[in-house]
Amino acid sequence: MLDAANSLMEKAKSKGVRVLLPEDVVIANMFAADANSAFEKFAASIVAIAEKLVELSNKKVMTIVRGGDTVAAVKKVGFASIMRHVSTGDGSSLELLEGKALPGILALDDV
């Protein structure tokens, strides 16, 4: 997938878009729940992304945060209140924002 990643990075660069990549890693002696592990630069990625979200929210752009882990991270650093939309839902929350009719909502009309 290295070629695909490099291609995406080049596209972003040509459009003047900065891609935020994780700065922190987990180092482990094996791939298992009970592995000996350590964090390097722990939480650096959360801080970098949170700072970017604050910067964007100050520019009056729409900031949407979705997905359980992402929502938890934004809440943990105290930035959920400045987001336009925070949802633990997946694609359906984005479809709702697009104005698409959702089956669950349509079913309520029949009640």
PDB file of N, CA and C in Angstrom:
ATOM      1  N   MET A   1       0.808  -1.202   0.000  1.00  0.00           N
ATOM      2  CA  MET A   1       0.000   0.000   0.000  1.00  0.00           C
ATOM      3  C   MET A   1       0.852   1.268   0.000  1.00  0.00           C
ATOM      4  N   LEU A   2       2.170   1.087  -0.018  1.00  0.00           N
ATOM      5  CA  LEU A   2       3.065   2.242   0.011  1.00  0.00           C
ATOM      6  C   LEU A   2       2.866   3.134  -1.214  1.00  0.00           C
ATOM      7  N   ASP A   3       2.680   2.529  -2.391  1.00  0.00           N
ATOM      8  CA  ASP A   3       2.455   3.325  -3.600  1.00  0.00           C
ATOM      9  C   ASP A   3       1.179   4.151  -3.481  1.00  0.00           C
ATOM     10  N   ALA A   4       0.113   3.539  -2.959  1.00  0.00           N
ATOM     11  CA  ALA A   4      -1.161   4.253  -2.790  1.00  0.00           C
ATOM     12  C   ALA A   4      -1.003   5.405  -1.798  1.00  0.00           C
ATOM     13  N   ALA A   5      -0.287   5.160  -0.698  1.00  0.00           N
ATOM     14  CA  ALA A   5      -0.066   6.210   0.296  1.00  0.00           C
ATOM     15  C   ALA A   5       0.738   7.362  -0.290  1.00  0.00           C
ATOM     16  N   ASN A   6       1.800   7.029  -1.028  1.00  0.00           N
ATOM     17  CA  ASN A   6       2.616   8.075  -1.658  1.00  0.00           C
ATOM     18  C   ASN A   6       1.806   8.875  -2.671  1.00  0.00           C
ATOM     19  N   SER A   7       0.938   8.205  -3.418  1.00  0.00           N
ATOM     20  CA  SER A   7       0.089   8.884  -4.393  1.00  0.00           C
ATOM     21  C   SER A   7      -0.855   9.867  -3.701  1.00  0.00           C
ATOM     22  N   LEU A   8      -1.461   9.429  -2.605  1.00  0.00           N
ATOM     23  CA  LEU A   8      -2.358  10.315  -1.856  1.00  0.00           C
ATOM     24  C   LEU A   8      -1.608  11.508  -1.274  1.00  0.00           C
ATOM     25  N   MET A   9      -0.412  11.270  -0.779  1.00  0.00           N
ATOM     26  CA  MET A   9       0.391  12.367  -0.227  1.00  0.00           C
ATOM     27  C   MET A   9       0.750  13.384  -1.315  1.00  0.00           C
ATOM     28  N   GLU A  10       1.079  12.894  -2.499  1.00  0.00           N
ATOM     29  CA  GLU A  10       1.405  13.784  -3.613  1.00  0.00           C
ATOM     30  C   GLU A  10       0.194  14.597  -4.045  1.00  0.00           C
ATOM     31  N   LYS A  11      -0.979  13.964  -4.098  1.00  0.00           N
ATOM     32  CA  LYS A  11      -2.207  14.682  -4.450  1.00  0.00           C
ATOM     33  C   LYS A  11      -2.494  15.781  -3.429  1.00  0.00           C
ATOM     34  N   ALA A  12      -2.351  15.454  -2.161  1.00  0.00           N
ATOM     35  CA  ALA A  12      -2.588  16.443  -1.111  1.00  0.00           C
ATOM     36  C   ALA A  12      -1.608  17.598  -1.248  1.00  0.00           C
ATOM     37  N   LYS A  13      -0.348  17.277  -1.463  1.00  0.00           N
ATOM     38  CA  LYS A  13       0.684  18.300  -1.592  1.00  0.00           C
ATOM     39  C   LYS A  13       0.390  19.226  -2.778  1.00  0.00           C
ATOM     40  N   SER A  14      -0.045  18.649  -3.900  1.00  0.00           N
ATOM     41  CA  SER A  14      -0.323  19.458  -5.090  1.00  0.00           C
ATOM     42  C   SER A  14      -1.510  20.394  -4.878  1.00  0.00           C
ATOM     43  N   LYS A  15      -2.389  20.055  -3.934  1.00  0.00           N
ATOM     44  CA  LYS A  15      -3.548  20.890  -3.638  1.00  0.00           C
ATOM     45  C   LYS A  15      -3.317  21.787  -2.426  1.00  0.00           C
ATOM     46  N   GLY A  16      -2.106  21.724  -1.867  1.00  0.00           N
ATOM     47  CA  GLY A  16      -1.794  22.547  -0.706  1.00  0.00           C
ATOM     48  C   GLY A  16      -2.454  22.075   0.577  1.00  0.00           C
ATOM     49  N   VAL A  17      -2.737  20.785   0.649  1.00  0.00           N
ATOM     50  CA  VAL A  17      -3.402  20.207   1.810  1.00  0.00           C
ATOM     51  C   VAL A  17      -2.382  19.471   2.664  1.00  0.00           C
ATOM     52  N   ARG A  18      -2.369  19.757   3.951  1.00  0.00           N
ATOM     53  CA  ARG A  18      -1.474  19.055   4.868  1.00  0.00           C
ATOM     54  C   ARG A  18      -2.198  17.856   5.441  1.00  0.00           C
ATOM     55  N   VAL A  19      -1.626  16.686   5.295  1.00  0.00           N
ATOM     56  CA  VAL A  19      -2.203  15.461   5.835  1.00  0.00           C
ATOM     57  C   VAL A  19      -1.625  15.249   7.230  1.00  0.00           C
ATOM     58  N   LEU A  20      -2.498  15.135   8.205  1.00  0.00           N
ATOM     59  CA  LEU A  20      -2.043  14.885   9.573  1.00  0.00           C
ATOM     60  C   LEU A  20      -1.890  13.388   9.770  1.00  0.00           C
ATOM     61  N   LEU A  21      -0.681  12.969  10.027  1.00  0.00           N
ATOM     62  CA  LEU A  21      -0.396  11.562  10.283  1.00  0.00           C
ATOM     63  C   LEU A  21      -0.052  11.367  11.752  1.00  0.00           C
ATOM     64  N   PRO A  22      -0.323  10.182  12.291  1.00  0.00           N
ATOM     65  CA  PRO A  22       0.011   9.929  13.700  1.00  0.00           C
ATOM     66  C   PRO A  22       1.502  10.147  13.969  1.00  0.00           C
ATOM     67  N   GLU A  23       1.780  10.761  15.105  1.00  0.00           N
ATOM     68  CA  GLU A  23       3.163  10.991  15.513  1.00  0.00           C
ATOM     69  C   GLU A  23       3.580  10.039  16.626  1.00  0.00           C
ATOM     70  N   ASP A  24       2.601   9.357  17.188  1.00  0.00           N
ATOM     71  CA  ASP A  24       2.899   8.463  18.298  1.00  0.00           C
ATOM     72  C   ASP A  24       2.728   7.014  17.844  1.00  0.00           C
ATOM     73  N   VAL A  25       3.454   6.144  18.488  1.00  0.00           N
ATOM     74  CA  VAL A  25       3.409   4.731  18.138  1.00  0.00           C
ATOM     75  C   VAL A  25       3.429   3.882  19.407  1.00  0.00           C
ATOM     76  N   VAL A  26       2.953   2.662  19.253  1.00  0.00           N
ATOM     77  CA  VAL A  26       3.063   1.679  20.325  1.00  0.00           C
ATOM     78  C   VAL A  26       4.106   0.679  19.872  1.00  0.00           C
ATOM     79  N   ILE A  27       5.072   0.452  20.735  1.00  0.00           N
ATOM     80  CA  ILE A  27       6.134  -0.512  20.463  1.00  0.00           C
ATOM     81  C   ILE A  27       5.847  -1.750  21.316  1.00  0.00           C
ATOM     82  N   ALA A  28       5.865  -2.922  20.691  1.00  0.00           N
ATOM     83  CA  ALA A  28       5.579  -4.155  21.425  1.00  0.00           C
ATOM     84  C   ALA A  28       6.512  -5.263  20.959  1.00  0.00           C
ATOM     85  N   ASN A  29       6.705  -6.239  21.837  1.00  0.00           N
ATOM     86  CA  ASN A  29       7.584  -7.347  21.483  1.00  0.00           C
ATOM     87  C   ASN A  29       6.860  -8.437  20.702  1.00  0.00           C
ATOM     88  N   MET A  30       5.517  -8.346  20.607  1.00  0.00           N
ATOM     89  CA  MET A  30       4.733  -9.275  19.798  1.00  0.00           C
ATOM     90  C   MET A  30       3.338  -8.687  19.609  1.00  0.00           C
ATOM     91  N   PHE A  31       2.579  -9.251  18.670  1.00  0.00           N
ATOM     92  CA  PHE A  31       1.232  -8.782  18.398  1.00  0.00           C
ATOM     93  C   PHE A  31       0.260  -9.596  19.233  1.00  0.00           C
ATOM     94  N   ALA A  32       0.036  -9.151  20.471  1.00  0.00           N
ATOM     95  CA  ALA A  32      -0.849  -9.872  21.384  1.00  0.00           C
ATOM     96  C   ALA A  32      -1.270  -8.921  22.505  1.00  0.00           C
ATOM     97  N   ALA A  33      -2.438  -9.195  23.078  1.00  0.00           N
ATOM     98  CA  ALA A  33      -2.958  -8.345  24.149  1.00  0.00           C
ATOM     99  C   ALA A  33      -2.031  -8.301  25.355  1.00  0.00           C
ATOM    100  N   ASP A  34      -1.312  -9.380  25.606  1.00  0.00           N
ATOM    101  CA  ASP A  34      -0.438  -9.436  26.776  1.00  0.00           C
ATOM    102  C   ASP A  34       1.025  -9.114  26.437  1.00  0.00           C
ATOM    103  N   ALA A  35       1.255  -8.466  25.313  1.00  0.00           N
ATOM    104  CA  ALA A  35       2.623  -8.123  24.910  1.00  0.00           C
ATOM    105  C   ALA A  35       3.214  -7.070  25.829  1.00  0.00           C
ATOM    106  N   ASN A  36       4.540  -7.101  25.959  1.00  0.00           N
ATOM    107  CA  ASN A  36       5.232  -6.014  26.648  1.00  0.00           C
ATOM    108  C   ASN A  36       5.235  -4.839  25.675  1.00  0.00           C
ATOM    109  N   SER A  37       4.710  -3.708  26.117  1.00  0.00           N
ATOM    110  CA  SER A  37       4.581  -2.585  25.188  1.00  0.00           C
ATOM    111  C   SER A  37       4.945  -1.270  25.863  1.00  0.00           C
ATOM    112  N   ALA A  38       5.217  -0.286  25.034  1.00  0.00           N
ATOM    113  CA  ALA A  38       5.534   1.060  25.515  1.00  0.00           C
ATOM    114  C   ALA A  38       5.036   2.054  24.475  1.00  0.00           C
ATOM    115  N   PHE A  39       4.666   3.245  24.932  1.00  0.00           N
ATOM    116  CA  PHE A  39       4.221   4.303  24.045  1.00  0.00           C
ATOM    117  C   PHE A  39       5.364   5.271  23.795  1.00  0.00           C
ATOM    118  N   GLU A  40       5.487   5.703  22.573  1.00  0.00           N
ATOM    119  CA  GLU A  40       6.452   6.728  22.214  1.00  0.00           C
ATOM    120  C   GLU A  40       5.680   7.981  21.823  1.00  0.00           C
ATOM    121  N   LYS A  41       6.011   9.105  22.442  1.00  0.00           N
ATOM    122  CA  LYS A  41       5.328  10.368  22.182  1.00  0.00           C
ATOM    123  C   LYS A  41       3.827  10.206  22.395  1.00  0.00           C
ATOM    124  N   PHE A  42       3.430   9.541  23.470  1.00  0.00           N
ATOM    125  CA  PHE A  42       2.025   9.233  23.718  1.00  0.00           C
ATOM    126  C   PHE A  42       1.163  10.483  23.671  1.00  0.00           C
ATOM    127  N   ALA A  43       0.059  10.389  22.983  1.00  0.00           N
ATOM    128  CA  ALA A  43      -0.966  11.421  22.837  1.00  0.00           C
ATOM    129  C   ALA A  43      -0.551  12.573  21.938  1.00  0.00           C
ATOM    130  N   ALA A  44       0.604  12.511  21.318  1.00  0.00           N
ATOM    131  CA  ALA A  44       1.028  13.594  20.430  1.00  0.00           C
ATOM    132  C   ALA A  44       0.058  13.763  19.268  1.00  0.00           C
ATOM    133  N   SER A  45      -0.441  12.666  18.736  1.00  0.00           N
ATOM    134  CA  SER A  45      -1.376  12.746  17.615  1.00  0.00           C
ATOM    135  C   SER A  45      -2.682  13.399  18.033  1.00  0.00           C
ATOM    136  N   ILE A  46      -3.177  13.048  19.204  1.00  0.00           N
ATOM    137  CA  ILE A  46      -4.421  13.647  19.698  1.00  0.00           C
ATOM    138  C   ILE A  46      -4.261  15.149  19.838  1.00  0.00           C
ATOM    139  N   VAL A  47      -3.154  15.577  20.403  1.00  0.00           N
ATOM    140  CA  VAL A  47      -2.909  17.012  20.585  1.00  0.00           C
ATOM    141  C   VAL A  47      -2.798  17.716  19.237  1.00  0.00           C
ATOM    142  N   ALA A  48      -2.065  17.142  18.292  1.00  0.00           N
ATOM    143  CA  ALA A  48      -1.886  17.764  16.976  1.00  0.00           C
ATOM    144  C   ALA A  48      -3.213  17.901  16.237  1.00  0.00           C
ATOM    145  N   ILE A  49      -4.014  16.865  16.281  1.00  0.00           N
ATOM    146  CA  ILE A  49      -5.307  16.904  15.591  1.00  0.00           C
ATOM    147  C   ILE A  49      -6.253  17.859  16.306  1.00  0.00           C
ATOM    148  N   ALA A  50      -6.257  17.851  17.633  1.00  0.00           N
ATOM    149  CA  ALA A  50      -7.111  18.774  18.381  1.00  0.00           C
ATOM    150  C   ALA A  50      -6.734  20.224  18.093  1.00  0.00           C
ATOM    151  N   GLU A  51      -5.443  20.514  18.029  1.00  0.00           N
ATOM    152  CA  GLU A  51      -5.009  21.878  17.717  1.00  0.00           C
ATOM    153  C   GLU A  51      -5.476  22.293  16.326  1.00  0.00           C
ATOM    154  N   LYS A  52      -5.414  21.371  15.374  1.00  0.00           N
ATOM    155  CA  LYS A  52      -5.868  21.668  14.011  1.00  0.00           C
ATOM    156  C   LYS A  52      -7.368  21.917  13.991  1.00  0.00           C
ATOM    157  N   LEU A  53      -8.124  21.138  14.745  1.00  0.00           N
ATOM    158  CA  LEU A  53      -9.565  21.335  14.807  1.00  0.00           C
ATOM    159  C   LEU A  53      -9.921  22.693  15.410  1.00  0.00           C
ATOM    160  N   VAL A  54      -9.181  23.097  16.439  1.00  0.00           N
ATOM    161  CA  VAL A  54      -9.409  24.421  17.031  1.00  0.00           C
ATOM    162  C   VAL A  54      -9.108  25.506  16.000  1.00  0.00           C
ATOM    163  N   GLU A  55      -8.002  25.351  15.292  1.00  0.00           N
ATOM    164  CA  GLU A  55      -7.630  26.329  14.256  1.00  0.00           C
ATOM    165  C   GLU A  55      -8.728  26.426  13.197  1.00  0.00           C
ATOM    166  N   LEU A  56      -9.227  25.296  12.750  1.00  0.00           N
ATOM    167  CA  LEU A  56     -10.268  25.287  11.728  1.00  0.00           C
ATOM    168  C   LEU A  56     -11.572  25.873  12.248  1.00  0.00           C
ATOM    169  N   SER A  57     -11.925  25.568  13.495  1.00  0.00           N
ATOM    170  CA  SER A  57     -13.181  26.084  14.037  1.00  0.00           C
ATOM    171  C   SER A  57     -13.130  27.604  14.175  1.00  0.00           C
ATOM    172  N   ASN A  58     -11.941  28.164  14.390  1.00  0.00           N
ATOM    173  CA  ASN A  58     -11.794  29.618  14.474  1.00  0.00           C
ATOM    174  C   ASN A  58     -11.940  30.287  13.114  1.00  0.00           C
ATOM    175  N   LYS A  59     -11.837  29.503  12.042  1.00  0.00           N
ATOM    176  CA  LYS A  59     -11.977  30.034  10.686  1.00  0.00           C
ATOM    177  C   LYS A  59     -13.404  29.875  10.181  1.00  0.00           C
ATOM    178  N   LYS A  60     -14.316  29.492  11.060  1.00  0.00           N
ATOM    179  CA  LYS A  60     -15.736  29.332  10.717  1.00  0.00           C
ATOM    180  C   LYS A  60     -15.992  28.232   9.693  1.00  0.00           C
ATOM    181  N   VAL A  61     -15.165  27.203   9.688  1.00  0.00           N
ATOM    182  CA  VAL A  61     -15.455  26.062   8.828  1.00  0.00           C
ATOM    183  C   VAL A  61     -16.236  25.033   9.641  1.00  0.00           C
ATOM    184  N   MET A  62     -16.904  24.134   8.957  1.00  0.00           N
ATOM    185  CA  MET A  62     -17.674  23.116   9.649  1.00  0.00           C
ATOM    186  C   MET A  62     -16.747  21.984  10.081  1.00  0.00           C
ATOM    187  N   THR A  63     -16.711  21.703  11.357  1.00  0.00           N
ATOM    188  CA  THR A  63     -15.898  20.601  11.872  1.00  0.00           C
ATOM    189  C   THR A  63     -16.828  19.483  12.314  1.00  0.00           C
ATOM    190  N   ILE A  64     -16.639  18.318  11.731  1.00  0.00           N
ATOM    191  CA  ILE A  64     -17.468  17.152  12.027  1.00  0.00           C
ATOM    192  C   ILE A  64     -16.566  16.069  12.582  1.00  0.00           C
ATOM    193  N   VAL A  65     -16.936  15.550  13.738  1.00  0.00           N
ATOM    194  CA  VAL A  65     -16.173  14.475  14.362  1.00  0.00           C
ATOM    195  C   VAL A  65     -17.102  13.291  14.482  1.00  0.00           C
ATOM    196  N   ARG A  66     -16.659  12.135  13.980  1.00  0.00           N
ATOM    197  CA  ARG A  66     -17.495  10.959  14.090  1.00  0.00           C
ATOM    198  C   ARG A  66     -16.649   9.728  14.356  1.00  0.00           C
ATOM    199  N   GLY A  67     -17.275   8.762  14.950  1.00  0.00           N
ATOM    200  CA  GLY A  67     -16.598   7.515  15.283  1.00  0.00           C
ATOM    201  C   GLY A  67     -16.255   7.489  16.761  1.00  0.00           C
ATOM    202  N   GLY A  68     -16.515   6.381  17.400  1.00  0.00           N
ATOM    203  CA  GLY A  68     -16.381   6.267  18.849  1.00  0.00           C
ATOM    204  C   GLY A  68     -15.042   6.694  19.418  1.00  0.00           C
ATOM    205  N   ASP A  69     -13.935   6.198  18.872  1.00  0.00           N
ATOM    206  CA  ASP A  69     -12.611   6.533  19.401  1.00  0.00           C
ATOM    207  C   ASP A  69     -12.275   8.001  19.166  1.00  0.00           C
ATOM    208  N   THR A  70     -12.654   8.525  17.999  1.00  0.00           N
ATOM    209  CA  THR A  70     -12.374   9.923  17.692  1.00  0.00           C
ATOM    210  C   THR A  70     -13.177  10.832  18.599  1.00  0.00           C
ATOM    211  N   VAL A  71     -14.440  10.510  18.801  1.00  0.00           N
ATOM    212  CA  VAL A  71     -15.287  11.304  19.692  1.00  0.00           C
ATOM    213  C   VAL A  71     -14.723  11.277  21.108  1.00  0.00           C
ATOM    214  N   ALA A  72     -14.307  10.107  21.562  1.00  0.00           N
ATOM    215  CA  ALA A  72     -13.738   9.991  22.912  1.00  0.00           C
ATOM    216  C   ALA A  72     -12.489  10.856  23.048  1.00  0.00           C
ATOM    217  N   ALA A  73     -11.638  10.864  22.031  1.00  0.00           N
ATOM    218  CA  ALA A  73     -10.410  11.670  22.078  1.00  0.00           C
ATOM    219  C   ALA A  73     -10.731  13.156  22.109  1.00  0.00           C
ATOM    220  N   VAL A  74     -11.684  13.593  21.286  1.00  0.00           N
ATOM    221  CA  VAL A  74     -12.046  15.017  21.244  1.00  0.00           C
ATOM    222  C   VAL A  74     -12.660  15.447  22.582  1.00  0.00           C
ATOM    223  N   LYS A  75     -13.485  14.582  23.153  1.00  0.00           N
ATOM    224  CA  LYS A  75     -14.072  14.893  24.464  1.00  0.00           C
ATOM    225  C   LYS A  75     -12.995  14.933  25.545  1.00  0.00           C
ATOM    226  N   LYS A  76     -12.036  14.011  25.474  1.00  0.00           N
ATOM    227  CA  LYS A  76     -10.988  13.931  26.492  1.00  0.00           C
ATOM    228  C   LYS A  76     -10.154  15.204  26.551  1.00  0.00           C
ATOM    229  N   VAL A  77      -9.882  15.793  25.386  1.00  0.00           N
ATOM    230  CA  VAL A  77      -9.075  17.019  25.384  1.00  0.00           C
ATOM    231  C   VAL A  77      -9.940  18.272  25.504  1.00  0.00           C
ATOM    232  N   GLY A  78     -11.263  18.095  25.641  1.00  0.00           N
ATOM    233  CA  GLY A  78     -12.151  19.214  25.920  1.00  0.00           C
ATOM    234  C   GLY A  78     -12.564  20.048  24.722  1.00  0.00           C
ATOM    235  N   PHE A  79     -12.508  19.478  23.515  1.00  0.00           N
ATOM    236  CA  PHE A  79     -12.825  20.256  22.320  1.00  0.00           C
ATOM    237  C   PHE A  79     -14.170  19.905  21.696  1.00  0.00           C
ATOM    238  N   ALA A  80     -14.936  19.012  22.292  1.00  0.00           N
ATOM    239  CA  ALA A  80     -16.216  18.606  21.696  1.00  0.00           C
ATOM    240  C   ALA A  80     -17.162  19.787  21.547  1.00  0.00           C
ATOM    241  N   SER A  81     -17.109  20.727  22.469  1.00  0.00           N
ATOM    242  CA  SER A  81     -18.053  21.855  22.433  1.00  0.00           C
ATOM    243  C   SER A  81     -17.821  22.806  21.260  1.00  0.00           C
ATOM    244  N   ILE A  82     -16.645  22.783  20.641  1.00  0.00           N
ATOM    245  CA  ILE A  82     -16.394  23.683  19.520  1.00  0.00           C
ATOM    246  C   ILE A  82     -16.619  23.008  18.168  1.00  0.00           C
ATOM    247  N   MET A  83     -17.006  21.741  18.194  1.00  0.00           N
ATOM    248  CA  MET A  83     -17.276  21.021  16.955  1.00  0.00           C
ATOM    249  C   MET A  83     -18.704  21.292  16.508  1.00  0.00           C
ATOM    250  N   ARG A  84     -18.920  21.348  15.207  1.00  0.00           N
ATOM    251  CA  ARG A  84     -20.257  21.585  14.666  1.00  0.00           C
ATOM    252  C   ARG A  84     -21.139  20.353  14.862  1.00  0.00           C
ATOM    253  N   HIS A  85     -20.544  19.165  14.699  1.00  0.00           N
ATOM    254  CA  HIS A  85     -21.315  17.926  14.810  1.00  0.00           C
ATOM    255  C   HIS A  85     -20.416  16.851  15.396  1.00  0.00           C
ATOM    256  N   VAL A  86     -20.869  16.218  16.466  1.00  0.00           N
ATOM    257  CA  VAL A  86     -20.135  15.122  17.093  1.00  0.00           C
ATOM    258  C   VAL A  86     -21.066  13.921  17.132  1.00  0.00           C
ATOM    259  N   SER A  87     -20.628  12.808  16.547  1.00  0.00           N
ATOM    260  CA  SER A  87     -21.486  11.629  16.479  1.00  0.00           C
ATOM    261  C   SER A  87     -20.650  10.368  16.587  1.00  0.00           C
ATOM    262  N   THR A  88     -21.183   9.393  17.314  1.00  0.00           N
ATOM    263  CA  THR A  88     -20.521   8.090  17.362  1.00  0.00           C
ATOM    264  C   THR A  88     -20.985   7.221  16.209  1.00  0.00           C
ATOM    265  N   GLY A  89     -21.924   7.733  15.407  1.00  0.00           N
ATOM    266  CA  GLY A  89     -22.435   6.994  14.254  1.00  0.00           C
ATOM    267  C   GLY A  89     -21.432   6.968  13.121  1.00  0.00           C
ATOM    268  N   ASP A  90     -21.605   6.006  12.233  1.00  0.00           N
ATOM    269  CA  ASP A  90     -20.717   5.900  11.074  1.00  0.00           C
ATOM    270  C   ASP A  90     -21.277   6.701   9.913  1.00  0.00           C
ATOM    271  N   GLY A  91     -21.286   6.137   8.756  1.00  0.00           N
ATOM    272  CA  GLY A  91     -21.665   6.825   7.535  1.00  0.00           C
ATOM    273  C   GLY A  91     -23.053   7.432   7.560  1.00  0.00           C
ATOM    274  N   SER A  92     -23.958   6.852   8.335  1.00  0.00           N
ATOM    275  CA  SER A  92     -25.323   7.380   8.353  1.00  0.00           C
ATOM    276  C   SER A  92     -25.368   8.815   8.858  1.00  0.00           C
ATOM    277  N   SER A  93     -24.489   9.175   9.785  1.00  0.00           N
ATOM    278  CA  SER A  93     -24.493  10.558  10.274  1.00  0.00           C
ATOM    279  C   SER A  93     -24.065  11.523   9.176  1.00  0.00           C
ATOM    280  N   LEU A  94     -23.126  11.096   8.335  1.00  0.00           N
ATOM    281  CA  LEU A  94     -22.712  11.952   7.218  1.00  0.00           C
ATOM    282  C   LEU A  94     -23.813  12.038   6.167  1.00  0.00           C
ATOM    283  N   GLU A  95     -24.526  10.929   5.933  1.00  0.00           N
ATOM    284  CA  GLU A  95     -25.629  10.958   4.978  1.00  0.00           C
ATOM    285  C   GLU A  95     -26.730  11.889   5.465  1.00  0.00           C
ATOM    286  N   LEU A  96     -26.987  11.899   6.762  1.00  0.00           N
ATOM    287  CA  LEU A  96     -27.985  12.796   7.328  1.00  0.00           C
ATOM    288  C   LEU A  96     -27.583  14.251   7.104  1.00  0.00           C
ATOM    289  N   LEU A  97     -26.304  14.553   7.307  1.00  0.00           N
ATOM    290  CA  LEU A  97     -25.828  15.910   7.074  1.00  0.00           C
ATOM    291  C   LEU A  97     -25.923  16.302   5.601  1.00  0.00           C
ATOM    292  N   GLU A  98     -25.829  15.324   4.703  1.00  0.00           N
ATOM    293  CA  GLU A  98     -25.961  15.586   3.267  1.00  0.00           C
ATOM    294  C   GLU A  98     -27.406  15.834   2.868  1.00  0.00           C
ATOM    295  N   GLY A  99     -28.338  15.525   3.774  1.00  0.00           N
ATOM    296  CA  GLY A  99     -29.743  15.714   3.462  1.00  0.00           C
ATOM    297  C   GLY A  99     -30.425  14.473   2.920  1.00  0.00           C
ATOM    298  N   LYS A 100     -29.746  13.336   2.947  1.00  0.00           N
ATOM    299  CA  LYS A 100     -30.345  12.098   2.465  1.00  0.00           C
ATOM    300  C   LYS A 100     -31.374  11.580   3.464  1.00  0.00           C
ATOM    301  N   ALA A 101     -32.383  10.905   2.944  1.00  0.00           N
ATOM    302  CA  ALA A 101     -33.400  10.292   3.799  1.00  0.00           C
ATOM    303  C   ALA A 101     -32.847   8.986   4.353  1.00  0.00           C
ATOM    304  N   LEU A 102     -32.934   8.814   5.654  1.00  0.00           N
ATOM    305  CA  LEU A 102     -32.450   7.605   6.299  1.00  0.00           C
ATOM    306  C   LEU A 102     -33.619   6.660   6.578  1.00  0.00           C
ATOM    307  N   PRO A 103     -33.452   5.351   6.347  1.00  0.00           N
ATOM    308  CA  PRO A 103     -34.567   4.397   6.530  1.00  0.00           C
ATOM    309  C   PRO A 103     -35.195   4.459   7.908  1.00  0.00           C
ATOM    310  N   GLY A 104     -34.391   4.580   8.946  1.00  0.00           N
ATOM    311  CA  GLY A 104     -34.932   4.634  10.301  1.00  0.00           C
ATOM    312  C   GLY A 104     -35.792   5.861  10.538  1.00  0.00           C
ATOM    313  N   ILE A 105     -35.400   6.977   9.964  1.00  0.00           N
ATOM    314  CA  ILE A 105     -36.172   8.214  10.094  1.00  0.00           C
ATOM    315  C   ILE A 105     -37.447   8.121   9.267  1.00  0.00           C
ATOM    316  N   LEU A 106     -37.346   7.572   8.056  1.00  0.00           N
ATOM    317  CA  LEU A 106     -38.520   7.403   7.203  1.00  0.00           C
ATOM    318  C   LEU A 106     -39.554   6.494   7.857  1.00  0.00           C
ATOM    319  N   ALA A 107     -39.094   5.472   8.568  1.00  0.00           N
ATOM    320  CA  ALA A 107     -40.007   4.553   9.227  1.00  0.00           C
ATOM    321  C   ALA A 107     -40.826   5.260  10.292  1.00  0.00           C
ATOM    322  N   LEU A 108     -40.290   6.293  10.891  1.00  0.00           N
ATOM    323  CA  LEU A 108     -41.030   7.046  11.910  1.00  0.00           C
ATOM    324  C   LEU A 108     -42.219   7.784  11.296  1.00  0.00           C
ATOM    325  N   ASP A 109     -42.102   8.158  10.018  1.00  0.00           N
ATOM    326  CA  ASP A 109     -43.193   8.837   9.339  1.00  0.00           C
ATOM    327  C   ASP A 109     -44.409   7.945   9.204  1.00  0.00           C
ATOM    328  N   ASP A 110     -44.197   6.629   9.197  1.00  0.00           N
ATOM    329  CA  ASP A 110     -45.306   5.671   9.039  1.00  0.00           C
ATOM    330  C   ASP A 110     -46.011   5.364  10.357  1.00  0.00           C
ATOM    331  N   VAL A 111     -45.466   5.838  11.454  1.00  0.00           N
ATOM    332  CA  VAL A 111     -46.039   5.526  12.779  1.00  0.00           C
ATOM    333  C   VAL A 111     -47.205   6.445  13.064  1.00  0.00           C
TER     334      VAL A 111
END
